Amino acid sequence: MCLLKLILKVSALLAMTSNGLLYAETLQTETSVDVQGCPENFYALPLYPNAKFCQLFAEQLPASLSYFAISDQQTAKAFYLEQLGQAEDEQMLKGRIVLQYDNGQKVVVISKDGQGSQIDILIKSAG
């Protein structure tokens, strides 16, 4: 239930931005930024190649980042399973794929978004 509340909060934050998608301008040392303004990873979780329209909601823990990937949900899911291994918990909630790692402390949410996917990374703790 707590995860669902967190997903709803992130969705509400996205809706409140002026155009729904903004570039993150500065990121802490725990991320490395490429020339498009999107990090290559976020708290050691990789972003899908050629990530676009990154929105950093919180750098400090609990931290969250959302971005757009030119990929369908299943291909994005396969990327994360290949990069991170089998998720400890995997669910389909309201059309979103939710992958949880590190006892639920790291969450990847993959939502359909037009011709691609919106990917939300939520980090509750660095543990």
N, C-alpha and C. Protein backbone atom coordinates (compact mmCIF):
# COMPACT_ATOMS: atom_id res chain seq x y z
N MET A 1 0.82 -1.19 0.00
CA MET A 1 0.00 0.00 0.00
C MET A 1 0.87 1.25 0.00
N CYS A 2 1.99 1.20 0.74
CA CYS A 2 2.90 2.33 0.83
C CYS A 2 3.50 2.64 -0.55
N LEU A 3 3.83 1.58 -1.32
CA LEU A 3 4.38 1.77 -2.66
C LEU A 3 3.36 2.45 -3.56
N LEU A 4 2.11 2.05 -3.47
CA LEU A 4 1.06 2.66 -4.28
C LEU A 4 0.94 4.14 -3.97
N LYS A 5 1.01 4.51 -2.69
CA LYS A 5 0.96 5.93 -2.31
C LYS A 5 2.13 6.69 -2.90
N LEU A 6 3.34 6.07 -2.88
CA LEU A 6 4.51 6.72 -3.44
C LEU A 6 4.37 6.91 -4.95
N ILE A 7 3.83 5.90 -5.63
CA ILE A 7 3.60 6.00 -7.08
C ILE A 7 2.60 7.12 -7.37
N LEU A 8 1.55 7.20 -6.59
CA LEU A 8 0.55 8.25 -6.80
C LEU A 8 1.14 9.62 -6.55
N LYS A 9 2.02 9.76 -5.54
CA LYS A 9 2.66 11.05 -5.29
C LYS A 9 3.54 11.46 -6.46
N VAL A 10 4.32 10.52 -6.99
CA VAL A 10 5.17 10.82 -8.15
C VAL A 10 4.32 11.22 -9.34
N SER A 11 3.22 10.50 -9.56
CA SER A 11 2.33 10.84 -10.67
C SER A 11 1.75 12.24 -10.50
N ALA A 12 1.39 12.59 -9.28
CA ALA A 12 0.85 13.93 -9.01
C ALA A 12 1.90 15.00 -9.25
N LEU A 13 3.14 14.73 -8.86
CA LEU A 13 4.22 15.69 -9.11
C LEU A 13 4.43 15.91 -10.60
N LEU A 14 4.37 14.83 -11.37
CA LEU A 14 4.51 14.95 -12.83
C LEU A 14 3.39 15.82 -13.40
N ALA A 15 2.19 15.63 -12.92
CA ALA A 15 1.05 16.39 -13.42
C ALA A 15 1.17 17.87 -13.08
N MET A 16 1.85 18.20 -11.97
CA MET A 16 1.95 19.59 -11.54
C MET A 16 3.01 20.38 -12.30
N THR A 17 3.94 19.71 -12.96
CA THR A 17 4.95 20.46 -13.71
C THR A 17 4.29 21.12 -14.91
N SER A 18 4.87 22.21 -15.37
CA SER A 18 4.23 22.98 -16.44
C SER A 18 4.02 22.19 -17.71
N ASN A 19 4.97 21.39 -18.11
CA ASN A 19 4.77 20.59 -19.32
C ASN A 19 4.89 19.11 -19.05
N GLY A 20 4.99 18.73 -17.77
CA GLY A 20 5.06 17.33 -17.42
C GLY A 20 6.44 16.72 -17.52
N LEU A 21 7.32 17.35 -18.30
CA LEU A 21 8.67 16.82 -18.47
C LEU A 21 9.67 17.97 -18.47
N LEU A 22 10.62 17.92 -17.57
CA LEU A 22 11.65 18.94 -17.47
C LEU A 22 13.00 18.26 -17.41
N TYR A 23 14.05 18.98 -17.78
CA TYR A 23 15.39 18.42 -17.66
C TYR A 23 15.95 18.69 -16.27
N ALA A 24 16.57 17.70 -15.70
CA ALA A 24 17.29 17.91 -14.45
C ALA A 24 18.58 18.65 -14.79
N GLU A 25 18.86 19.72 -14.05
CA GLU A 25 20.03 20.53 -14.37
C GLU A 25 21.28 20.12 -13.61
N THR A 26 21.15 19.80 -12.36
CA THR A 26 22.32 19.40 -11.59
C THR A 26 22.01 18.16 -10.80
N LEU A 27 23.00 17.29 -10.70
CA LEU A 27 22.84 16.05 -9.97
C LEU A 27 24.03 15.88 -9.03
N GLN A 28 23.83 15.23 -7.91
CA GLN A 28 24.90 15.00 -6.95
C GLN A 28 25.92 14.03 -7.54
N THR A 29 27.01 13.83 -6.82
CA THR A 29 28.08 12.96 -7.27
C THR A 29 27.66 11.51 -7.44
N GLU A 30 26.52 11.11 -6.91
CA GLU A 30 26.08 9.73 -7.03
C GLU A 30 25.52 9.44 -8.42
N THR A 31 25.42 10.43 -9.26
CA THR A 31 24.97 10.22 -10.63
C THR A 31 26.00 10.80 -11.58
N SER A 32 26.08 10.26 -12.78
CA SER A 32 26.97 10.85 -13.77
C SER A 32 26.11 11.33 -14.94
N VAL A 33 26.27 12.58 -15.32
CA VAL A 33 25.39 13.22 -16.29
C VAL A 33 25.97 13.10 -17.70
N ASP A 34 25.11 12.75 -18.67
CA ASP A 34 25.57 12.76 -20.06
C ASP A 34 25.19 14.10 -20.68
N VAL A 35 25.51 14.30 -21.96
CA VAL A 35 25.31 15.60 -22.59
C VAL A 35 23.85 15.98 -22.75
N GLN A 36 22.92 15.04 -22.66
CA GLN A 36 21.50 15.34 -22.81
C GLN A 36 20.87 15.82 -21.51
N GLY A 37 21.63 15.84 -20.44
CA GLY A 37 21.08 16.26 -19.16
C GLY A 37 20.50 15.11 -18.36
N CYS A 38 20.54 13.90 -18.87
CA CYS A 38 20.07 12.74 -18.14
C CYS A 38 21.29 11.99 -17.60
N PRO A 39 21.18 11.48 -16.40
CA PRO A 39 22.31 10.71 -15.86
C PRO A 39 22.40 9.34 -16.52
N GLU A 40 23.57 8.74 -16.46
CA GLU A 40 23.72 7.36 -16.94
C GLU A 40 23.15 6.40 -15.91
N ASN A 41 23.20 6.82 -14.64
CA ASN A 41 22.63 6.01 -13.58
C ASN A 41 22.15 6.93 -12.46
N PHE A 42 21.35 6.38 -11.60
CA PHE A 42 20.78 7.13 -10.49
C PHE A 42 20.87 6.24 -9.27
N TYR A 43 21.69 6.61 -8.30
CA TYR A 43 21.95 5.78 -7.13
C TYR A 43 22.27 4.35 -7.55
N ALA A 44 23.18 4.22 -8.50
CA ALA A 44 23.68 2.94 -9.00
C ALA A 44 22.68 2.14 -9.83
N LEU A 45 21.49 2.68 -10.09
CA LEU A 45 20.55 2.02 -10.99
C LEU A 45 20.71 2.64 -12.38
N PRO A 46 20.91 1.82 -13.41
CA PRO A 46 21.11 2.37 -14.75
C PRO A 46 19.83 2.94 -15.34
N LEU A 47 19.99 3.90 -16.25
CA LEU A 47 18.86 4.39 -17.02
C LEU A 47 18.90 3.71 -18.38
N TYR A 48 17.73 3.54 -18.97
CA TYR A 48 17.63 2.93 -20.30
C TYR A 48 18.46 3.78 -21.27
N PRO A 49 19.15 3.15 -22.22
CA PRO A 49 19.97 3.93 -23.17
C PRO A 49 19.16 5.04 -23.86
N ASN A 50 19.80 6.17 -24.05
CA ASN A 50 19.20 7.35 -24.70
C ASN A 50 18.00 7.89 -23.95
N ALA A 51 18.07 7.86 -22.62
CA ALA A 51 17.00 8.42 -21.79
C ALA A 51 16.79 9.89 -22.14
N LYS A 52 15.54 10.32 -22.11
CA LYS A 52 15.20 11.71 -22.46
C LYS A 52 14.26 12.29 -21.41
N PHE A 53 14.21 13.61 -21.38
CA PHE A 53 13.25 14.35 -20.55
C PHE A 53 13.33 13.94 -19.07
N CYS A 54 14.52 13.91 -18.53
CA CYS A 54 14.70 13.53 -17.13
C CYS A 54 14.16 14.61 -16.20
N GLN A 55 13.50 14.16 -15.17
CA GLN A 55 12.97 15.06 -14.14
C GLN A 55 13.41 14.51 -12.80
N LEU A 56 14.26 15.25 -12.14
CA LEU A 56 14.72 14.87 -10.82
C LEU A 56 13.77 15.49 -9.81
N PHE A 57 13.10 14.66 -9.03
CA PHE A 57 12.15 15.16 -8.04
C PHE A 57 12.80 15.37 -6.69
N ALA A 58 13.76 14.54 -6.36
CA ALA A 58 14.45 14.67 -5.08
C ALA A 58 15.81 14.01 -5.18
N GLU A 59 16.87 14.77 -4.90
CA GLU A 59 18.22 14.21 -4.91
C GLU A 59 18.52 13.51 -3.60
N GLN A 60 18.03 14.07 -2.49
CA GLN A 60 18.27 13.48 -1.18
C GLN A 60 17.31 12.32 -0.95
N LEU A 61 17.75 11.36 -0.19
CA LEU A 61 16.90 10.21 0.10
C LEU A 61 15.73 10.58 0.99
N PRO A 62 14.54 10.10 0.74
CA PRO A 62 14.19 9.26 -0.41
C PRO A 62 14.23 10.09 -1.70
N ALA A 63 14.80 9.51 -2.73
CA ALA A 63 15.05 10.22 -3.98
C ALA A 63 14.23 9.61 -5.12
N SER A 64 13.91 10.44 -6.12
CA SER A 64 13.16 9.92 -7.27
C SER A 64 13.55 10.67 -8.53
N LEU A 65 13.53 9.94 -9.61
CA LEU A 65 13.85 10.46 -10.94
C LEU A 65 12.90 9.81 -11.92
N SER A 66 12.36 10.59 -12.85
CA SER A 66 11.50 10.07 -13.92
C SER A 66 12.11 10.44 -15.25
N TYR A 67 11.92 9.58 -16.24
CA TYR A 67 12.42 9.87 -17.58
C TYR A 67 11.62 9.11 -18.63
N PHE A 68 11.86 9.48 -19.90
CA PHE A 68 11.20 8.84 -21.03
C PHE A 68 12.20 7.96 -21.76
N ALA A 69 11.78 6.77 -22.13
CA ALA A 69 12.60 5.85 -22.91
C ALA A 69 11.86 5.49 -24.18
N ILE A 70 12.58 5.47 -25.28
CA ILE A 70 11.97 5.06 -26.55
C ILE A 70 12.01 3.54 -26.59
N SER A 71 11.08 2.95 -25.86
CA SER A 71 11.02 1.50 -25.70
C SER A 71 9.65 1.13 -25.16
N ASP A 72 9.14 -0.02 -25.55
CA ASP A 72 7.88 -0.45 -24.95
C ASP A 72 8.15 -0.97 -23.54
N GLN A 73 7.11 -1.18 -22.78
CA GLN A 73 7.25 -1.59 -21.38
C GLN A 73 8.02 -2.90 -21.23
N GLN A 74 7.74 -3.89 -22.05
CA GLN A 74 8.38 -5.19 -21.90
C GLN A 74 9.87 -5.13 -22.22
N THR A 75 10.25 -4.32 -23.20
CA THR A 75 11.67 -4.18 -23.54
C THR A 75 12.40 -3.44 -22.42
N ALA A 76 11.77 -2.41 -21.86
CA ALA A 76 12.36 -1.69 -20.73
C ALA A 76 12.50 -2.62 -19.53
N LYS A 77 11.49 -3.43 -19.28
CA LYS A 77 11.54 -4.40 -18.18
C LYS A 77 12.70 -5.37 -18.41
N ALA A 78 12.84 -5.89 -19.62
CA ALA A 78 13.93 -6.82 -19.94
C ALA A 78 15.29 -6.17 -19.70
N PHE A 79 15.42 -4.87 -20.02
CA PHE A 79 16.67 -4.14 -19.77
C PHE A 79 17.00 -4.16 -18.27
N TYR A 80 16.03 -3.84 -17.44
CA TYR A 80 16.28 -3.80 -15.99
C TYR A 80 16.55 -5.19 -15.43
N LEU A 81 15.86 -6.20 -15.91
CA LEU A 81 16.12 -7.56 -15.44
C LEU A 81 17.53 -8.00 -15.85
N GLU A 82 17.96 -7.61 -17.04
CA GLU A 82 19.31 -7.95 -17.50
C GLU A 82 20.37 -7.20 -16.68
N GLN A 83 20.12 -5.93 -16.40
CA GLN A 83 21.08 -5.10 -15.68
C GLN A 83 21.12 -5.40 -14.18
N LEU A 84 19.97 -5.66 -13.58
CA LEU A 84 19.87 -5.77 -12.13
C LEU A 84 19.56 -7.18 -11.62
N GLY A 85 19.24 -8.07 -12.53
CA GLY A 85 18.85 -9.41 -12.12
C GLY A 85 17.36 -9.46 -11.82
N GLN A 86 16.90 -10.64 -11.46
CA GLN A 86 15.49 -10.83 -11.17
C GLN A 86 15.07 -9.95 -10.00
N ALA A 87 13.95 -9.27 -10.16
CA ALA A 87 13.43 -8.42 -9.08
C ALA A 87 12.96 -9.29 -7.93
N GLU A 88 13.12 -8.79 -6.71
CA GLU A 88 12.63 -9.51 -5.54
C GLU A 88 11.10 -9.54 -5.53
N ASP A 89 10.50 -8.50 -6.10
CA ASP A 89 9.05 -8.45 -6.21
C ASP A 89 8.73 -7.78 -7.54
N GLU A 90 7.81 -8.38 -8.28
CA GLU A 90 7.38 -7.83 -9.57
C GLU A 90 5.87 -7.86 -9.61
N GLN A 91 5.28 -6.70 -9.93
CA GLN A 91 3.83 -6.61 -9.98
C GLN A 91 3.40 -5.77 -11.18
N MET A 92 2.15 -5.95 -11.57
CA MET A 92 1.52 -5.10 -12.56
C MET A 92 0.44 -4.35 -11.80
N LEU A 93 0.60 -3.02 -11.63
CA LEU A 93 -0.36 -2.20 -10.90
C LEU A 93 -0.90 -1.12 -11.83
N LYS A 94 -2.18 -1.15 -12.10
CA LYS A 94 -2.83 -0.15 -12.94
C LYS A 94 -2.08 0.07 -14.25
N GLY A 95 -1.67 -1.00 -14.90
CA GLY A 95 -0.99 -0.92 -16.19
C GLY A 95 0.50 -0.60 -16.10
N ARG A 96 1.03 -0.49 -14.88
CA ARG A 96 2.45 -0.18 -14.69
C ARG A 96 3.17 -1.43 -14.20
N ILE A 97 4.37 -1.64 -14.72
CA ILE A 97 5.23 -2.72 -14.23
C ILE A 97 6.03 -2.14 -13.07
N VAL A 98 5.98 -2.82 -11.93
CA VAL A 98 6.69 -2.36 -10.73
C VAL A 98 7.70 -3.43 -10.33
N LEU A 99 8.99 -3.06 -10.37
CA LEU A 99 10.08 -3.96 -9.98
C LEU A 99 10.69 -3.43 -8.69
N GLN A 100 10.82 -4.30 -7.70
CA GLN A 100 11.41 -3.88 -6.42
C GLN A 100 12.68 -4.68 -6.15
N TYR A 101 13.70 -3.95 -5.69
CA TYR A 101 14.99 -4.52 -5.35
C TYR A 101 15.39 -4.09 -3.95
N ASP A 102 16.37 -4.79 -3.37
CA ASP A 102 16.91 -4.46 -2.05
C ASP A 102 15.81 -4.30 -1.00
N ASN A 103 15.00 -5.34 -0.88
CA ASN A 103 13.91 -5.33 0.10
C ASN A 103 12.98 -4.14 -0.06
N GLY A 104 12.71 -3.75 -1.29
CA GLY A 104 11.78 -2.65 -1.57
C GLY A 104 12.38 -1.27 -1.42
N GLN A 105 13.69 -1.18 -1.19
CA GLN A 105 14.33 0.12 -1.02
C GLN A 105 14.62 0.80 -2.36
N LYS A 106 14.67 0.02 -3.44
CA LYS A 106 14.88 0.54 -4.79
C LYS A 106 13.75 0.02 -5.66
N VAL A 107 13.03 0.95 -6.29
CA VAL A 107 11.84 0.58 -7.06
C VAL A 107 11.94 1.20 -8.45
N VAL A 108 11.62 0.40 -9.46
CA VAL A 108 11.56 0.86 -10.84
C VAL A 108 10.12 0.66 -11.31
N VAL A 109 9.49 1.76 -11.77
CA VAL A 109 8.11 1.70 -12.25
C VAL A 109 8.13 2.04 -13.73
N ILE A 110 7.59 1.16 -14.56
CA ILE A 110 7.60 1.34 -16.02
C ILE A 110 6.16 1.49 -16.50
N SER A 111 5.84 2.66 -17.06
CA SER A 111 4.49 2.96 -17.52
C SER A 111 4.49 3.20 -19.03
N LYS A 112 3.43 2.80 -19.69
CA LYS A 112 3.28 3.09 -21.12
C LYS A 112 3.15 4.60 -21.29
N ASP A 113 3.85 5.15 -22.28
CA ASP A 113 3.81 6.59 -22.56
C ASP A 113 3.94 6.80 -24.06
N GLY A 114 2.82 6.89 -24.74
CA GLY A 114 2.84 7.09 -26.19
C GLY A 114 3.57 5.96 -26.89
N GLN A 115 4.61 6.32 -27.67
CA GLN A 115 5.39 5.33 -28.40
C GLN A 115 6.54 4.77 -27.58
N GLY A 116 6.59 5.09 -26.29
CA GLY A 116 7.66 4.62 -25.43
C GLY A 116 7.16 4.33 -24.04
N SER A 117 8.04 4.56 -23.08
CA SER A 117 7.72 4.30 -21.68
C SER A 117 8.20 5.43 -20.79
N GLN A 118 7.45 5.69 -19.74
CA GLN A 118 7.93 6.56 -18.67
C GLN A 118 8.49 5.64 -17.61
N ILE A 119 9.69 5.95 -17.16
CA ILE A 119 10.32 5.13 -16.14
C ILE A 119 10.58 5.99 -14.91
N ASP A 120 10.08 5.54 -13.78
CA ASP A 120 10.28 6.22 -12.51
C ASP A 120 11.19 5.36 -11.66
N ILE A 121 12.25 5.99 -11.13
CA ILE A 121 13.14 5.29 -10.21
C ILE A 121 12.96 5.92 -8.85
N LEU A 122 12.65 5.11 -7.86
CA LEU A 122 12.43 5.57 -6.50
C LEU A 122 13.45 4.88 -5.59
N ILE A 123 14.20 5.67 -4.85
CA ILE A 123 15.20 5.14 -3.94
C ILE A 123 14.81 5.57 -2.53
N LYS A 124 14.46 4.61 -1.69
CA LYS A 124 14.04 4.93 -0.32
C LYS A 124 15.24 5.08 0.59
N SER A 125 16.25 4.22 0.43
CA SER A 125 17.48 4.32 1.20
C SER A 125 18.62 3.74 0.39
N ALA A 126 19.84 4.13 0.74
CA ALA A 126 21.01 3.68 -0.01
C ALA A 126 21.39 2.24 0.30
N GLY A 127 20.82 1.70 1.37
CA GLY A 127 21.13 0.34 1.84
C GLY A 127 21.00 -0.67 0.78
